[in-house]
């Protein structure tokens, strides 16, 4: 990540993890495709996991804890 973009993420707090709205899903071309979610930071930056750099579909995040437990962050486990 370029240094100028790193400042958008470093030290920020996640304030929400939600399913993409229909408008957001339409912007990405993800209508009817799961999982599709957005992570919003305290500075308004939105992170949307993508399948690849060409936006060929929504993606998932692998979540690793300090005790080495691994899981995938899927839309169906996101709660408001």
PDB file of N, CA and C in Angstrom:
ATOM      1  N   UNK A   1       0.851  -1.170   0.000  1.00  0.00           N
ATOM      2  CA  UNK A   1       0.000   0.000   0.000  1.00  0.00           C
ATOM      3  C   UNK A   1       0.895   1.231   0.000  1.00  0.00           C
ATOM      4  N   UNK A   2       0.640   2.185  -0.888  1.00  0.00           N
ATOM      5  CA  UNK A   2       1.427   3.410  -0.880  1.00  0.00           C
ATOM      6  C   UNK A   2       1.351   4.105   0.479  1.00  0.00           C
ATOM      7  N   UNK A   3       2.432   4.737   0.880  1.00  0.00           N
ATOM      8  CA  UNK A   3       2.489   5.402   2.185  1.00  0.00           C
ATOM      9  C   UNK A   3       1.344   6.385   2.361  1.00  0.00           C
ATOM     10  N   UNK A   4       0.973   7.114   1.292  1.00  0.00           N
ATOM     11  CA  UNK A   4      -0.099   8.094   1.407  1.00  0.00           C
ATOM     12  C   UNK A   4      -1.438   7.425   1.738  1.00  0.00           C
ATOM     13  N   UNK A   5      -1.657   6.189   1.271  1.00  0.00           N
ATOM     14  CA  UNK A   5      -2.888   5.474   1.585  1.00  0.00           C
ATOM     15  C   UNK A   5      -2.843   4.841   2.965  1.00  0.00           C
ATOM     16  N   UNK A   6      -1.671   4.497   3.439  1.00  0.00           N
ATOM     17  CA  UNK A   6      -1.547   3.862   4.755  1.00  0.00           C
ATOM     18  C   UNK A   6      -2.102   4.770   5.846  1.00  0.00           C
ATOM     19  N   UNK A   7      -1.958   6.066   5.696  1.00  0.00           N
ATOM     20  CA  UNK A   7      -2.461   7.008   6.695  1.00  0.00           C
ATOM     21  C   UNK A   7      -3.981   6.952   6.817  1.00  0.00           C
ATOM     22  N   UNK A   8      -4.661   6.493   5.779  1.00  0.00           N
ATOM     23  CA  UNK A   8      -6.116   6.365   5.842  1.00  0.00           C
ATOM     24  C   UNK A   8      -6.542   5.238   6.777  1.00  0.00           C
ATOM     25  N   UNK A   9      -5.650   4.276   7.035  1.00  0.00           N
ATOM     26  CA  UNK A   9      -5.996   3.093   7.815  1.00  0.00           C
ATOM     27  C   UNK A   9      -5.335   3.025   9.184  1.00  0.00           C
ATOM     28  N   UNK A  10      -4.077   3.439   9.266  1.00  0.00           N
ATOM     29  CA  UNK A  10      -3.327   3.275  10.503  1.00  0.00           C
ATOM     30  C   UNK A  10      -3.915   4.085  11.654  1.00  0.00           C
ATOM     31  N   UNK A  11      -4.111   3.418  12.784  1.00  0.00           N
ATOM     32  CA  UNK A  11      -4.615   4.073  13.981  1.00  0.00           C
ATOM     33  C   UNK A  11      -6.110   4.343  13.977  1.00  0.00           C
ATOM     34  N   UNK A  12      -6.809   3.912  12.947  1.00  0.00           N
ATOM     35  CA  UNK A  12      -8.249   4.150  12.857  1.00  0.00           C
ATOM     36  C   UNK A  12      -9.034   3.075  13.579  1.00  0.00           C
ATOM     37  N   UNK A  13     -10.261   3.408  13.902  1.00  0.00           N
ATOM     38  CA  UNK A  13     -11.160   2.499  14.606  1.00  0.00           C
ATOM     39  C   UNK A  13     -12.279   2.062  13.669  1.00  0.00           C
ATOM     40  N   UNK A  14     -12.585   0.765  13.696  1.00  0.00           N
ATOM     41  CA  UNK A  14     -13.721   0.262  12.929  1.00  0.00           C
ATOM     42  C   UNK A  14     -14.982   0.634  13.688  1.00  0.00           C
ATOM     43  N   UNK A  15     -15.903   1.319  13.004  1.00  0.00           N
ATOM     44  CA  UNK A  15     -17.146   1.712  13.677  1.00  0.00           C
ATOM     45  C   UNK A  15     -18.339   0.871  13.243  1.00  0.00           C
ATOM     46  N   UNK A  16     -18.231   0.206  12.078  1.00  0.00           N
ATOM     47  CA  UNK A  16     -19.318  -0.679  11.679  1.00  0.00           C
ATOM     48  C   UNK A  16     -18.840  -1.673  10.627  1.00  0.00           C
ATOM     49  N   UNK A  17     -19.503  -2.820  10.618  1.00  0.00           N
ATOM     50  CA  UNK A  17     -19.328  -3.845   9.592  1.00  0.00           C
ATOM     51  C   UNK A  17     -20.744  -4.256   9.198  1.00  0.00           C
ATOM     52  N   UNK A  18     -21.134  -3.931   7.968  1.00  0.00           N
ATOM     53  CA  UNK A  18     -22.518  -4.134   7.537  1.00  0.00           C
ATOM     54  C   UNK A  18     -22.565  -4.690   6.125  1.00  0.00           C
ATOM     55  N   UNK A  19     -23.709  -5.280   5.809  1.00  0.00           N
ATOM     56  CA  UNK A  19     -23.944  -5.685   4.426  1.00  0.00           C
ATOM     57  C   UNK A  19     -23.961  -4.439   3.552  1.00  0.00           C
ATOM     58  N   UNK A  20     -23.537  -4.594   2.312  1.00  0.00           N
ATOM     59  CA  UNK A  20     -23.632  -3.475   1.380  1.00  0.00           C
ATOM     60  C   UNK A  20     -25.094  -3.129   1.152  1.00  0.00           C
ATOM     61  N   UNK A  21     -25.388  -1.843   1.071  1.00  0.00           N
ATOM     62  CA  UNK A  21     -26.739  -1.407   0.720  1.00  0.00           C
ATOM     63  C   UNK A  21     -26.972  -1.739  -0.755  1.00  0.00           C
ATOM     64  N   UNK A  22     -28.233  -1.767  -1.193  1.00  0.00           N
ATOM     65  CA  UNK A  22     -28.489  -2.005  -2.618  1.00  0.00           C
ATOM     66  C   UNK A  22     -27.755  -1.007  -3.516  1.00  0.00           C
ATOM     67  N   UNK A  23     -27.671   0.251  -3.097  1.00  0.00           N
ATOM     68  CA  UNK A  23     -26.957   1.273  -3.881  1.00  0.00           C
ATOM     69  C   UNK A  23     -25.475   0.929  -3.977  1.00  0.00           C
ATOM     70  N   UNK A  24     -24.868   0.575  -2.827  1.00  0.00           N
ATOM     71  CA  UNK A  24     -23.457   0.217  -2.824  1.00  0.00           C
ATOM     72  C   UNK A  24     -23.203  -1.039  -3.659  1.00  0.00           C
ATOM     73  N   UNK A  25     -24.057  -2.048  -3.504  1.00  0.00           N
ATOM     74  CA  UNK A  25     -23.899  -3.288  -4.267  1.00  0.00           C
ATOM     75  C   UNK A  25     -23.990  -3.003  -5.761  1.00  0.00           C
ATOM     76  N   UNK A  26     -24.902  -2.103  -6.157  1.00  0.00           N
ATOM     77  CA  UNK A  26     -25.035  -1.731  -7.560  1.00  0.00           C
ATOM     78  C   UNK A  26     -23.789  -1.047  -8.088  1.00  0.00           C
ATOM     79  N   UNK A  27     -23.176  -0.195  -7.271  1.00  0.00           N
ATOM     80  CA  UNK A  27     -21.950   0.495  -7.676  1.00  0.00           C
ATOM     81  C   UNK A  27     -20.858  -0.513  -8.027  1.00  0.00           C
ATOM     82  N   UNK A  28     -20.747  -1.568  -7.235  1.00  0.00           N
ATOM     83  CA  UNK A  28     -19.709  -2.588  -7.456  1.00  0.00           C
ATOM     84  C   UNK A  28     -20.147  -3.677  -8.426  1.00  0.00           C
ATOM     85  N   UNK A  29     -21.415  -3.685  -8.817  1.00  0.00           N
ATOM     86  CA  UNK A  29     -21.908  -4.739  -9.693  1.00  0.00           C
ATOM     87  C   UNK A  29     -22.119  -6.051  -8.965  1.00  0.00           C
ATOM     88  N   UNK A  30     -22.415  -5.976  -7.662  1.00  0.00           N
ATOM     89  CA  UNK A  30     -22.538  -7.165  -6.818  1.00  0.00           C
ATOM     90  C   UNK A  30     -23.981  -7.576  -6.555  1.00  0.00           C
ATOM     91  N   UNK A  31     -24.960  -7.034  -7.267  1.00  0.00           N
ATOM     92  CA  UNK A  31     -26.351  -7.351  -6.977  1.00  0.00           C
ATOM     93  C   UNK A  31     -26.556  -8.867  -6.929  1.00  0.00           C
ATOM     94  N   UNK A  32     -27.099  -9.357  -5.817  1.00  0.00           N
ATOM     95  CA  UNK A  32     -27.399 -10.769  -5.664  1.00  0.00           C
ATOM     96  C   UNK A  32     -26.192 -11.661  -5.430  1.00  0.00           C
ATOM     97  N   UNK A  33     -25.039 -11.087  -5.197  1.00  0.00           N
ATOM     98  CA  UNK A  33     -23.841 -11.892  -4.979  1.00  0.00           C
ATOM     99  C   UNK A  33     -23.406 -11.771  -3.531  1.00  0.00           C
ATOM    100  N   UNK A  34     -23.125 -12.886  -2.913  1.00  0.00           N
ATOM    101  CA  UNK A  34     -22.714 -12.904  -1.508  1.00  0.00           C
ATOM    102  C   UNK A  34     -21.337 -13.522  -1.396  1.00  0.00           C
ATOM    103  N   UNK A  35     -20.567 -13.222  -0.401  1.00  0.00           N
ATOM    104  CA  UNK A  35     -20.814 -12.193   0.609  1.00  0.00           C
ATOM    105  C   UNK A  35     -20.440 -10.822   0.067  1.00  0.00           C
ATOM    106  N   UNK A  36     -21.116  -9.810   0.509  1.00  0.00           N
ATOM    107  CA  UNK A  36     -20.799  -8.442   0.118  1.00  0.00           C
ATOM    108  C   UNK A  36     -21.026  -7.556   1.335  1.00  0.00           C
ATOM    109  N   UNK A  37     -19.940  -7.016   1.864  1.00  0.00           N
ATOM    110  CA  UNK A  37     -20.063  -6.178   3.051  1.00  0.00           C
ATOM    111  C   UNK A  37     -19.076  -5.027   2.995  1.00  0.00           C
ATOM    112  N   UNK A  38     -19.289  -4.059   3.873  1.00  0.00           N
ATOM    113  CA  UNK A  38     -18.450  -2.872   3.944  1.00  0.00           C
ATOM    114  C   UNK A  38     -18.022  -2.670   5.396  1.00  0.00           C
ATOM    115  N   UNK A  39     -16.754  -2.325   5.576  1.00  0.00           N
ATOM    116  CA  UNK A  39     -16.197  -1.999   6.885  1.00  0.00           C
ATOM    117  C   UNK A  39     -15.978  -0.487   6.888  1.00  0.00           C
ATOM    118  N   UNK A  40     -16.611   0.218   7.831  1.00  0.00           N
ATOM    119  CA  UNK A  40     -16.499   1.671   7.885  1.00  0.00           C
ATOM    120  C   UNK A  40     -15.600   2.069   9.051  1.00  0.00           C
ATOM    121  N   UNK A  41     -14.655   2.960   8.760  1.00  0.00           N
ATOM    122  CA  UNK A  41     -13.736   3.457   9.780  1.00  0.00           C
ATOM    123  C   UNK A  41     -14.215   4.793  10.328  1.00  0.00           C
ATOM    124  N   UNK A  42     -13.630   5.213  11.453  1.00  0.00           N
ATOM    125  CA  UNK A  42     -14.052   6.445  12.124  1.00  0.00           C
ATOM    126  C   UNK A  42     -13.779   7.710  11.321  1.00  0.00           C
ATOM    127  N   UNK A  43     -12.980   7.626  10.270  1.00  0.00           N
ATOM    128  CA  UNK A  43     -12.724   8.786   9.419  1.00  0.00           C
ATOM    129  C   UNK A  43     -13.587   8.776   8.160  1.00  0.00           C
ATOM    130  N   UNK A  44     -14.563   7.836   8.098  1.00  0.00           N
ATOM    131  CA  UNK A  44     -15.470   7.756   6.960  1.00  0.00           C
ATOM    132  C   UNK A  44     -14.981   6.864   5.832  1.00  0.00           C
ATOM    133  N   UNK A  45     -13.753   6.379   5.911  1.00  0.00           N
ATOM    134  CA  UNK A  45     -13.222   5.482   4.881  1.00  0.00           C
ATOM    135  C   UNK A  45     -13.994   4.169   4.935  1.00  0.00           C
ATOM    136  N   UNK A  46     -14.383   3.653   3.761  1.00  0.00           N
ATOM    137  CA  UNK A  46     -15.095   2.379   3.669  1.00  0.00           C
ATOM    138  C   UNK A  46     -14.197   1.358   2.986  1.00  0.00           C
ATOM    139  N   UNK A  47     -14.092   0.186   3.580  1.00  0.00           N
ATOM    140  CA  UNK A  47     -13.308  -0.912   3.029  1.00  0.00           C
ATOM    141  C   UNK A  47     -14.265  -1.986   2.544  1.00  0.00           C
ATOM    142  N   UNK A  48     -14.141  -2.379   1.275  1.00  0.00           N
ATOM    143  CA  UNK A  48     -14.998  -3.407   0.690  1.00  0.00           C
ATOM    144  C   UNK A  48     -14.098  -4.534   0.185  1.00  0.00           C
ATOM    145  N   UNK A  49     -14.160  -5.709   0.815  1.00  0.00           N
ATOM    146  CA  UNK A  49     -13.352  -6.831   0.330  1.00  0.00           C
ATOM    147  C   UNK A  49     -13.767  -7.228  -1.090  1.00  0.00           C
ATOM    148  N   UNK A  50     -12.776  -7.387  -1.960  1.00  0.00           N
ATOM    149  CA  UNK A  50     -13.017  -7.734  -3.353  1.00  0.00           C
ATOM    150  C   UNK A  50     -12.363  -9.076  -3.677  1.00  0.00           C
ATOM    151  N   UNK A  51     -12.928  -9.780  -4.638  1.00  0.00           N
ATOM    152  CA  UNK A  51     -12.359 -11.051  -5.071  1.00  0.00           C
ATOM    153  C   UNK A  51     -10.993 -10.850  -5.731  1.00  0.00           C
ATOM    154  N   UNK A  52     -10.835  -9.721  -6.427  1.00  0.00           N
ATOM    155  CA  UNK A  52      -9.565  -9.398  -7.078  1.00  0.00           C
ATOM    156  C   UNK A  52      -9.546  -7.907  -7.409  1.00  0.00           C
ATOM    157  N   UNK A  53      -8.456  -7.445  -7.951  1.00  0.00           N
ATOM    158  CA  UNK A  53      -8.276  -6.020  -8.227  1.00  0.00           C
ATOM    159  C   UNK A  53      -9.204  -5.492  -9.316  1.00  0.00           C
ATOM    160  N   UNK A  54      -9.779  -6.369 -10.111  1.00  0.00           N
ATOM    161  CA  UNK A  54     -10.686  -5.946 -11.177  1.00  0.00           C
ATOM    162  C   UNK A  54     -12.139  -5.901 -10.729  1.00  0.00           C
ATOM    163  N   UNK A  55     -12.405  -6.075  -9.451  1.00  0.00           N
ATOM    164  CA  UNK A  55     -13.766  -6.057  -8.893  1.00  0.00           C
ATOM    165  C   UNK A  55     -14.650  -7.140  -9.515  1.00  0.00           C
ATOM    166  N   UNK A  56     -14.090  -8.334  -9.698  1.00  0.00           N
ATOM    167  CA  UNK A  56     -14.848  -9.435 -10.291  1.00  0.00           C
ATOM    168  C   UNK A  56     -15.748 -10.147  -9.306  1.00  0.00           C
ATOM    169  N   UNK A  57     -16.052  -9.527  -8.211  1.00  0.00           N
ATOM    170  CA  UNK A  57     -16.967 -10.085  -7.235  1.00  0.00           C
ATOM    171  C   UNK A  57     -16.563  -9.691  -5.834  1.00  0.00           C
ATOM    172  N   UNK A  58     -17.493  -9.877  -4.901  1.00  0.00           N
ATOM    173  CA  UNK A  58     -17.183  -9.571  -3.514  1.00  0.00           C
ATOM    174  C   UNK A  58     -16.199 -10.595  -2.964  1.00  0.00           C
ATOM    175  N   UNK A  59     -15.494 -10.213  -1.931  1.00  0.00           N
ATOM    176  CA  UNK A  59     -14.509 -11.106  -1.332  1.00  0.00           C
ATOM    177  C   UNK A  59     -14.762 -11.327   0.139  1.00  0.00           C
ATOM    178  N   UNK A  60     -13.883 -12.065   0.740  1.00  0.00           N
ATOM    179  CA  UNK A  60     -13.956 -12.355   2.168  1.00  0.00           C
ATOM    180  C   UNK A  60     -12.639 -11.957   2.809  1.00  0.00           C
ATOM    181  N   UNK A  61     -12.646 -11.843   4.118  1.00  0.00           N
ATOM    182  CA  UNK A  61     -11.433 -11.595   4.882  1.00  0.00           C
ATOM    183  C   UNK A  61     -11.146 -12.809   5.742  1.00  0.00           C
ATOM    184  N   UNK A  62      -9.896 -13.200   5.788  1.00  0.00           N
ATOM    185  CA  UNK A  62      -9.502 -14.222   6.747  1.00  0.00           C
ATOM    186  C   UNK A  62      -9.170 -13.504   8.043  1.00  0.00           C
ATOM    187  N   UNK A  63      -9.751 -13.961   9.130  1.00  0.00           N
ATOM    188  CA  UNK A  63      -9.536 -13.346  10.430  1.00  0.00           C
ATOM    189  C   UNK A  63      -8.688 -14.305  11.268  1.00  0.00           C
ATOM    190  N   UNK A  64      -7.539 -13.841  11.722  1.00  0.00           N
ATOM    191  CA  UNK A  64      -6.657 -14.654  12.560  1.00  0.00           C
ATOM    192  C   UNK A  64      -6.534 -14.006  13.927  1.00  0.00           C
ATOM    193  N   UNK A  65      -6.721 -14.809  14.951  1.00  0.00           N
ATOM    194  CA  UNK A  65      -6.563 -14.305  16.316  1.00  0.00           C
ATOM    195  C   UNK A  65      -5.150 -14.606  16.798  1.00  0.00           C
ATOM    196  N   UNK A  66      -4.782 -14.016  17.924  1.00  0.00           N
ATOM    197  CA  UNK A  66      -3.441 -14.237  18.450  1.00  0.00           C
ATOM    198  C   UNK A  66      -3.196 -15.687  18.835  1.00  0.00           C
ATOM    199  N   UNK A  67      -4.273 -16.419  19.150  1.00  0.00           N
ATOM    200  CA  UNK A  67      -4.112 -17.834  19.483  1.00  0.00           C
ATOM    201  C   UNK A  67      -4.150 -18.718  18.235  1.00  0.00           C
ATOM    202  N   UNK A  68      -3.948 -18.090  17.061  1.00  0.00           N
ATOM    203  CA  UNK A  68      -3.839 -18.781  15.776  1.00  0.00           C
ATOM    204  C   UNK A  68      -5.153 -19.372  15.264  1.00  0.00           C
ATOM    205  N   UNK A  69      -6.287 -18.998  15.855  1.00  0.00           N
ATOM    206  CA  UNK A  69      -7.573 -19.436  15.327  1.00  0.00           C
ATOM    207  C   UNK A  69      -7.838 -18.670  14.035  1.00  0.00           C
ATOM    208  N   UNK A  70      -8.308 -19.359  13.026  1.00  0.00           N
ATOM    209  CA  UNK A  70      -8.604 -18.726  11.746  1.00  0.00           C
ATOM    210  C   UNK A  70     -10.071 -18.905  11.406  1.00  0.00           C
ATOM    211  N   UNK A  71     -10.645 -17.895  10.798  1.00  0.00           N
ATOM    212  CA  UNK A  71     -12.033 -17.944  10.368  1.00  0.00           C
ATOM    213  C   UNK A  71     -12.170 -16.993   9.189  1.00  0.00           C
ATOM    214  N   UNK A  72     -13.238 -17.108   8.459  1.00  0.00           N
ATOM    215  CA  UNK A  72     -13.526 -16.184   7.364  1.00  0.00           C
ATOM    216  C   UNK A  72     -14.654 -15.269   7.777  1.00  0.00           C
ATOM    217  N   UNK A  73     -14.542 -13.996   7.447  1.00  0.00           N
ATOM    218  CA  UNK A  73     -15.592 -13.019   7.721  1.00  0.00           C
ATOM    219  C   UNK A  73     -16.539 -13.018   6.537  1.00  0.00           C
ATOM    220  N   UNK A  74     -17.703 -13.649   6.723  1.00  0.00           N
ATOM    221  CA  UNK A  74     -18.723 -13.760   5.688  1.00  0.00           C
ATOM    222  C   UNK A  74     -19.902 -12.886   6.041  1.00  0.00           C
ATOM    223  N   UNK A  75     -20.673 -12.503   5.047  1.00  0.00           N
ATOM    224  CA  UNK A  75     -21.832 -11.647   5.259  1.00  0.00           C
ATOM    225  C   UNK A  75     -22.818 -12.232   6.266  1.00  0.00           C
ATOM    226  N   UNK A  76     -23.052 -13.538   6.227  1.00  0.00           N
ATOM    227  CA  UNK A  76     -24.090 -14.119   7.084  1.00  0.00           C
ATOM    228  C   UNK A  76     -23.735 -14.107   8.566  1.00  0.00           C
ATOM    229  N   UNK A  77     -22.500 -13.763   8.926  1.00  0.00           N
ATOM    230  CA  UNK A  77     -22.174 -13.664  10.340  1.00  0.00           C
ATOM    231  C   UNK A  77     -22.134 -12.224  10.830  1.00  0.00           C
ATOM    232  N   UNK A  78     -22.356 -11.286   9.928  1.00  0.00           N
ATOM    233  CA  UNK A  78     -22.314  -9.869  10.304  1.00  0.00           C
ATOM    234  C   UNK A  78     -23.646  -9.477  10.911  1.00  0.00           C
ATOM    235  N   UNK A  79     -23.583  -8.880  12.075  1.00  0.00           N
ATOM    236  CA  UNK A  79     -24.791  -8.424  12.787  1.00  0.00           C
ATOM    237  C   UNK A  79     -24.698  -6.915  12.979  1.00  0.00           C
ATOM    238  N   UNK A  80     -25.833  -6.263  12.924  1.00  0.00           N
ATOM    239  CA  UNK A  80     -25.860  -4.809  13.191  1.00  0.00           C
ATOM    240  C   UNK A  80     -25.955  -4.585  14.675  1.00  0.00           C
TER     241      UNK A  80
END
